[in-house]
Amino acid sequence: MPFDLTRPIYLQIVDNICRRVARGELPPGARLPSLRDPALELEVNPNTVQHAYQELERRGLTFTRRGEGTFLSEDPQLVDRLRQELAGRAAERYLAEMGEAGFSPAEALAALQERVKIAERGV
């Protein structure tokens, strides 16, 4: 996973886990890997992964069972909640970028709707 050097790595790990949950790759209640495995895979300090796991727990997305590990929340609404959160952030980025280019929110929406029509036609 390539990292964006302008954002804290632990937040990028959090975002990656959230996207995996939203895609259904990690179901509610799933056990997350121990700190060492993702640290080795991502070539980061285990403390960075620990920080990411703590942030996930702070957000109510995970819980820890002493001696067993860190688990995703078993909340059945977890996936929907994360999908809505990811969609909201993407929309905010889109509107901000379009605003910088001089588009009003209504114009940005019209441009997006046109692109959706094109995508639905498979063009």
N, C-alpha and C. Protein backbone atom coordinates (compact mmCIF):
# COMPACT_ATOMS: atom_id res chain seq x y z
N MET A 1 0.86 -1.17 0.00
CA MET A 1 0.00 0.00 0.00
C MET A 1 0.90 1.23 0.00
N PRO A 2 0.87 2.02 -1.06
CA PRO A 2 1.67 3.25 -1.08
C PRO A 2 1.05 4.30 -0.15
N PHE A 3 1.90 5.02 0.53
CA PHE A 3 1.43 6.01 1.49
C PHE A 3 1.52 7.42 0.92
N ASP A 4 0.56 8.25 1.32
CA ASP A 4 0.53 9.67 1.01
C ASP A 4 1.34 10.36 2.11
N LEU A 5 2.45 10.96 1.74
CA LEU A 5 3.34 11.54 2.75
C LEU A 5 2.78 12.80 3.40
N THR A 6 1.64 13.29 2.91
CA THR A 6 1.04 14.49 3.50
C THR A 6 0.05 14.16 4.61
N ARG A 7 -0.23 12.87 4.82
CA ARG A 7 -1.19 12.45 5.86
C ARG A 7 -0.53 11.45 6.79
N PRO A 8 -0.91 11.45 8.07
CA PRO A 8 -0.35 10.47 8.99
C PRO A 8 -0.62 9.04 8.51
N ILE A 9 0.39 8.20 8.59
CA ILE A 9 0.27 6.82 8.11
C ILE A 9 -0.81 6.06 8.86
N TYR A 10 -0.92 6.28 10.17
CA TYR A 10 -1.91 5.52 10.93
C TYR A 10 -3.33 5.81 10.44
N LEU A 11 -3.59 7.06 10.00
CA LEU A 11 -4.92 7.39 9.47
C LEU A 11 -5.15 6.73 8.11
N GLN A 12 -4.09 6.57 7.34
CA GLN A 12 -4.22 5.88 6.07
C GLN A 12 -4.52 4.40 6.28
N ILE A 13 -3.95 3.83 7.34
CA ILE A 13 -4.25 2.44 7.69
C ILE A 13 -5.71 2.32 8.12
N VAL A 14 -6.17 3.28 8.92
CA VAL A 14 -7.58 3.31 9.35
C VAL A 14 -8.48 3.37 8.12
N ASP A 15 -8.18 4.27 7.19
CA ASP A 15 -9.00 4.42 5.98
C ASP A 15 -9.01 3.13 5.16
N ASN A 16 -7.86 2.48 5.06
CA ASN A 16 -7.77 1.23 4.31
C ASN A 16 -8.66 0.16 4.93
N ILE A 17 -8.63 0.04 6.24
CA ILE A 17 -9.47 -0.94 6.92
C ILE A 17 -10.94 -0.60 6.71
N CYS A 18 -11.29 0.67 6.81
CA CYS A 18 -12.68 1.10 6.59
C CYS A 18 -13.15 0.77 5.18
N ARG A 19 -12.30 0.99 4.20
CA ARG A 19 -12.67 0.65 2.81
C ARG A 19 -12.86 -0.85 2.65
N ARG A 20 -12.02 -1.63 3.29
CA ARG A 20 -12.15 -3.09 3.20
C ARG A 20 -13.45 -3.57 3.84
N VAL A 21 -13.85 -2.93 4.93
CA VAL A 21 -15.13 -3.27 5.57
C VAL A 21 -16.27 -2.87 4.64
N ALA A 22 -16.20 -1.68 4.06
CA ALA A 22 -17.25 -1.18 3.18
C ALA A 22 -17.42 -2.08 1.95
N ARG A 23 -16.31 -2.66 1.46
CA ARG A 23 -16.38 -3.56 0.30
C ARG A 23 -16.81 -4.97 0.67
N GLY A 24 -16.91 -5.24 1.97
CA GLY A 24 -17.31 -6.57 2.40
C GLY A 24 -16.16 -7.55 2.57
N GLU A 25 -14.92 -7.08 2.45
CA GLU A 25 -13.76 -7.95 2.61
C GLU A 25 -13.55 -8.33 4.07
N LEU A 26 -13.95 -7.46 4.98
CA LEU A 26 -13.85 -7.72 6.42
C LEU A 26 -15.25 -7.61 7.00
N PRO A 27 -15.86 -8.73 7.37
CA PRO A 27 -17.23 -8.68 7.88
C PRO A 27 -17.29 -8.22 9.34
N PRO A 28 -18.43 -7.69 9.77
CA PRO A 28 -18.58 -7.33 11.19
C PRO A 28 -18.23 -8.53 12.07
N GLY A 29 -17.50 -8.25 13.15
CA GLY A 29 -17.08 -9.30 14.08
C GLY A 29 -15.77 -9.97 13.72
N ALA A 30 -15.21 -9.66 12.55
CA ALA A 30 -13.96 -10.29 12.12
C ALA A 30 -12.81 -9.87 13.02
N ARG A 31 -11.89 -10.79 13.24
CA ARG A 31 -10.68 -10.51 14.02
C ARG A 31 -9.67 -9.84 13.10
N LEU A 32 -9.10 -8.73 13.56
CA LEU A 32 -8.04 -8.06 12.81
C LEU A 32 -6.73 -8.77 13.08
N PRO A 33 -5.79 -8.71 12.13
CA PRO A 33 -4.49 -9.36 12.35
C PRO A 33 -3.76 -8.75 13.54
N SER A 34 -2.87 -9.53 14.13
CA SER A 34 -2.04 -9.00 15.21
C SER A 34 -1.21 -7.85 14.66
N LEU A 35 -0.70 -7.02 15.53
CA LEU A 35 0.03 -5.82 15.11
C LEU A 35 1.22 -6.13 14.21
N ARG A 36 1.89 -7.21 14.49
CA ARG A 36 3.14 -7.52 13.79
C ARG A 36 2.92 -7.79 12.30
N ASP A 37 1.86 -8.54 11.97
CA ASP A 37 1.64 -8.92 10.57
C ASP A 37 1.43 -7.71 9.65
N PRO A 38 0.48 -6.81 9.96
CA PRO A 38 0.34 -5.65 9.07
C PRO A 38 1.57 -4.74 9.10
N ALA A 39 2.25 -4.67 10.24
CA ALA A 39 3.45 -3.83 10.32
C ALA A 39 4.52 -4.34 9.35
N LEU A 40 4.71 -5.66 9.31
CA LEU A 40 5.69 -6.23 8.38
C LEU A 40 5.24 -6.04 6.93
N GLU A 41 3.96 -6.30 6.68
CA GLU A 41 3.43 -6.18 5.32
C GLU A 41 3.52 -4.75 4.80
N LEU A 42 3.21 -3.78 5.66
CA LEU A 42 3.20 -2.37 5.25
C LEU A 42 4.55 -1.69 5.44
N GLU A 43 5.48 -2.40 6.08
CA GLU A 43 6.81 -1.86 6.37
C GLU A 43 6.72 -0.60 7.22
N VAL A 44 5.95 -0.72 8.31
CA VAL A 44 5.82 0.37 9.27
C VAL A 44 6.10 -0.17 10.66
N ASN A 45 6.30 0.72 11.60
CA ASN A 45 6.52 0.35 12.99
C ASN A 45 5.22 -0.24 13.56
N PRO A 46 5.31 -1.31 14.35
CA PRO A 46 4.09 -1.86 14.97
C PRO A 46 3.32 -0.82 15.79
N ASN A 47 4.02 0.18 16.33
CA ASN A 47 3.33 1.24 17.07
C ASN A 47 2.38 2.04 16.17
N THR A 48 2.73 2.14 14.89
CA THR A 48 1.86 2.84 13.94
C THR A 48 0.56 2.06 13.75
N VAL A 49 0.67 0.74 13.64
CA VAL A 49 -0.52 -0.10 13.51
C VAL A 49 -1.33 -0.04 14.80
N GLN A 50 -0.64 -0.05 15.94
CA GLN A 50 -1.33 0.07 17.23
C GLN A 50 -2.12 1.37 17.30
N HIS A 51 -1.51 2.45 16.84
CA HIS A 51 -2.18 3.75 16.82
C HIS A 51 -3.44 3.68 15.94
N ALA A 52 -3.33 3.03 14.79
CA ALA A 52 -4.49 2.87 13.89
C ALA A 52 -5.59 2.07 14.58
N TYR A 53 -5.23 0.98 15.24
CA TYR A 53 -6.22 0.15 15.93
C TYR A 53 -6.88 0.94 17.07
N GLN A 54 -6.10 1.76 17.76
CA GLN A 54 -6.68 2.59 18.82
C GLN A 54 -7.67 3.60 18.25
N GLU A 55 -7.34 4.16 17.09
CA GLU A 55 -8.25 5.11 16.44
C GLU A 55 -9.54 4.42 16.01
N LEU A 56 -9.43 3.21 15.49
CA LEU A 56 -10.63 2.46 15.12
C LEU A 56 -11.50 2.20 16.34
N GLU A 57 -10.87 1.87 17.46
CA GLU A 57 -11.63 1.63 18.69
C GLU A 57 -12.26 2.92 19.20
N ARG A 58 -11.53 4.03 19.12
CA ARG A 58 -12.06 5.32 19.54
C ARG A 58 -13.31 5.68 18.75
N ARG A 59 -13.32 5.31 17.47
CA ARG A 59 -14.47 5.59 16.60
C ARG A 59 -15.62 4.59 16.79
N GLY A 60 -15.39 3.59 17.62
CA GLY A 60 -16.44 2.59 17.86
C GLY A 60 -16.52 1.52 16.79
N LEU A 61 -15.47 1.39 15.99
CA LEU A 61 -15.48 0.42 14.90
C LEU A 61 -14.89 -0.92 15.31
N THR A 62 -14.11 -0.94 16.39
CA THR A 62 -13.50 -2.18 16.86
C THR A 62 -13.60 -2.25 18.37
N PHE A 63 -13.29 -3.43 18.90
CA PHE A 63 -13.16 -3.63 20.34
C PHE A 63 -12.06 -4.65 20.55
N THR A 64 -11.48 -4.63 21.73
CA THR A 64 -10.38 -5.53 22.06
C THR A 64 -10.81 -6.49 23.14
N ARG A 65 -10.49 -7.76 22.93
CA ARG A 65 -10.68 -8.78 23.96
C ARG A 65 -9.30 -9.15 24.46
N ARG A 66 -9.07 -8.91 25.72
CA ARG A 66 -7.76 -9.17 26.30
C ARG A 66 -7.34 -10.62 26.03
N GLY A 67 -6.15 -10.76 25.47
CA GLY A 67 -5.61 -12.07 25.18
C GLY A 67 -6.13 -12.70 23.90
N GLU A 68 -7.12 -12.08 23.26
CA GLU A 68 -7.69 -12.66 22.04
C GLU A 68 -7.43 -11.80 20.81
N GLY A 69 -7.37 -10.48 20.98
CA GLY A 69 -7.10 -9.63 19.84
C GLY A 69 -8.10 -8.51 19.67
N THR A 70 -8.02 -7.89 18.51
CA THR A 70 -8.90 -6.78 18.16
C THR A 70 -9.90 -7.26 17.12
N PHE A 71 -11.16 -6.92 17.34
CA PHE A 71 -12.24 -7.39 16.48
C PHE A 71 -13.05 -6.21 15.96
N LEU A 72 -13.58 -6.36 14.75
CA LEU A 72 -14.49 -5.35 14.24
C LEU A 72 -15.78 -5.41 15.03
N SER A 73 -16.43 -4.29 15.15
CA SER A 73 -17.72 -4.22 15.81
C SER A 73 -18.67 -5.23 15.18
N GLU A 74 -19.53 -5.80 15.99
CA GLU A 74 -20.51 -6.75 15.48
C GLU A 74 -21.81 -6.05 15.08
N ASP A 75 -21.81 -4.74 15.11
CA ASP A 75 -22.97 -3.93 14.75
C ASP A 75 -23.37 -4.23 13.30
N PRO A 76 -24.61 -4.70 13.07
CA PRO A 76 -25.02 -5.03 11.70
C PRO A 76 -25.07 -3.80 10.78
N GLN A 77 -25.10 -2.61 11.34
CA GLN A 77 -25.14 -1.38 10.54
C GLN A 77 -23.74 -0.86 10.21
N LEU A 78 -22.69 -1.57 10.66
CA LEU A 78 -21.32 -1.10 10.47
C LEU A 78 -21.00 -0.83 9.01
N VAL A 79 -21.31 -1.78 8.13
CA VAL A 79 -20.96 -1.63 6.72
C VAL A 79 -21.69 -0.43 6.12
N ASP A 80 -22.99 -0.32 6.39
CA ASP A 80 -23.76 0.82 5.85
C ASP A 80 -23.22 2.15 6.37
N ARG A 81 -22.88 2.18 7.65
CA ARG A 81 -22.35 3.41 8.25
C ARG A 81 -21.04 3.82 7.58
N LEU A 82 -20.15 2.85 7.37
CA LEU A 82 -18.86 3.16 6.74
C LEU A 82 -19.05 3.57 5.29
N ARG A 83 -19.95 2.91 4.58
CA ARG A 83 -20.20 3.28 3.18
C ARG A 83 -20.71 4.71 3.10
N GLN A 84 -21.61 5.10 3.99
CA GLN A 84 -22.13 6.46 4.01
C GLN A 84 -21.03 7.47 4.33
N GLU A 85 -20.19 7.12 5.29
CA GLU A 85 -19.08 8.00 5.67
C GLU A 85 -18.11 8.19 4.50
N LEU A 86 -17.75 7.09 3.83
CA LEU A 86 -16.84 7.18 2.69
C LEU A 86 -17.46 7.99 1.55
N ALA A 87 -18.74 7.78 1.29
CA ALA A 87 -19.43 8.53 0.23
C ALA A 87 -19.46 10.02 0.57
N GLY A 88 -19.72 10.34 1.82
CA GLY A 88 -19.77 11.74 2.24
C GLY A 88 -18.43 12.43 2.06
N ARG A 89 -17.36 11.74 2.44
CA ARG A 89 -16.03 12.35 2.29
C ARG A 89 -15.66 12.53 0.82
N ALA A 90 -16.01 11.53 -0.01
CA ALA A 90 -15.73 11.65 -1.45
C ALA A 90 -16.51 12.81 -2.05
N ALA A 91 -17.76 12.97 -1.64
CA ALA A 91 -18.58 14.07 -2.15
C ALA A 91 -18.00 15.42 -1.73
N GLU A 92 -17.54 15.51 -0.49
CA GLU A 92 -16.93 16.76 -0.01
C GLU A 92 -15.69 17.11 -0.82
N ARG A 93 -14.85 16.09 -1.10
CA ARG A 93 -13.65 16.35 -1.89
C ARG A 93 -14.02 16.80 -3.31
N TYR A 94 -15.01 16.13 -3.89
CA TYR A 94 -15.46 16.48 -5.24
C TYR A 94 -15.98 17.92 -5.29
N LEU A 95 -16.85 18.26 -4.35
CA LEU A 95 -17.42 19.61 -4.34
C LEU A 95 -16.34 20.67 -4.10
N ALA A 96 -15.38 20.37 -3.24
CA ALA A 96 -14.29 21.32 -2.99
C ALA A 96 -13.46 21.53 -4.25
N GLU A 97 -13.12 20.44 -4.93
CA GLU A 97 -12.31 20.55 -6.14
C GLU A 97 -13.07 21.28 -7.24
N MET A 98 -14.33 20.98 -7.39
CA MET A 98 -15.14 21.67 -8.41
C MET A 98 -15.32 23.14 -8.04
N GLY A 99 -15.47 23.44 -6.76
CA GLY A 99 -15.57 24.82 -6.32
C GLY A 99 -14.32 25.61 -6.64
N GLU A 100 -13.16 24.96 -6.46
CA GLU A 100 -11.89 25.62 -6.79
C GLU A 100 -11.79 25.91 -8.28
N ALA A 101 -12.48 25.10 -9.09
CA ALA A 101 -12.47 25.29 -10.54
C ALA A 101 -13.57 26.26 -10.99
N GLY A 102 -14.32 26.82 -10.03
CA GLY A 102 -15.32 27.82 -10.35
C GLY A 102 -16.73 27.31 -10.55
N PHE A 103 -16.96 26.03 -10.24
CA PHE A 103 -18.30 25.46 -10.40
C PHE A 103 -19.13 25.69 -9.14
N SER A 104 -20.40 25.99 -9.32
CA SER A 104 -21.32 26.05 -8.18
C SER A 104 -21.67 24.61 -7.80
N PRO A 105 -22.20 24.39 -6.58
CA PRO A 105 -22.62 23.03 -6.23
C PRO A 105 -23.62 22.44 -7.23
N ALA A 106 -24.55 23.25 -7.73
CA ALA A 106 -25.52 22.75 -8.71
C ALA A 106 -24.84 22.35 -10.02
N GLU A 107 -23.85 23.14 -10.45
CA GLU A 107 -23.12 22.80 -11.67
C GLU A 107 -22.28 21.53 -11.48
N ALA A 108 -21.70 21.39 -10.29
CA ALA A 108 -20.91 20.20 -9.99
C ALA A 108 -21.82 18.97 -10.01
N LEU A 109 -23.01 19.10 -9.44
CA LEU A 109 -23.96 17.99 -9.43
C LEU A 109 -24.37 17.62 -10.85
N ALA A 110 -24.65 18.61 -11.68
CA ALA A 110 -25.04 18.35 -13.08
C ALA A 110 -23.93 17.63 -13.83
N ALA A 111 -22.68 18.04 -13.61
CA ALA A 111 -21.55 17.38 -14.26
C ALA A 111 -21.43 15.93 -13.81
N LEU A 112 -21.62 15.71 -12.52
CA LEU A 112 -21.54 14.35 -11.99
C LEU A 112 -22.68 13.49 -12.55
N GLN A 113 -23.88 14.04 -12.60
CA GLN A 113 -25.01 13.29 -13.14
C GLN A 113 -24.78 12.90 -14.59
N GLU A 114 -24.16 13.78 -15.35
CA GLU A 114 -23.84 13.47 -16.75
C GLU A 114 -22.85 12.31 -16.82
N ARG A 115 -21.85 12.33 -15.95
CA ARG A 115 -20.87 11.24 -15.93
C ARG A 115 -21.50 9.92 -15.51
N VAL A 116 -22.46 9.97 -14.60
CA VAL A 116 -23.17 8.76 -14.18
C VAL A 116 -23.93 8.17 -15.36
N LYS A 117 -24.60 9.02 -16.14
CA LYS A 117 -25.32 8.55 -17.32
C LYS A 117 -24.37 7.86 -18.30
N ILE A 118 -23.21 8.46 -18.51
CA ILE A 118 -22.21 7.88 -19.41
C ILE A 118 -21.74 6.53 -18.87
N ALA A 119 -21.47 6.45 -17.58
CA ALA A 119 -21.01 5.20 -16.98
C ALA A 119 -22.07 4.11 -17.08
N GLU A 120 -23.33 4.49 -16.90
CA GLU A 120 -24.42 3.52 -16.98
C GLU A 120 -24.59 2.97 -18.39
N ARG A 121 -24.25 3.78 -19.38
CA ARG A 121 -24.32 3.32 -20.78
C ARG A 121 -23.11 2.48 -21.14
N GLY A 122 -22.10 2.47 -20.26
CA GLY A 122 -20.91 1.69 -20.51
C GLY A 122 -19.95 2.31 -21.51
N VAL A 123 -20.02 3.61 -21.62
CA VAL A 123 -19.16 4.33 -22.58
C VAL A 123 -17.86 4.70 -21.92
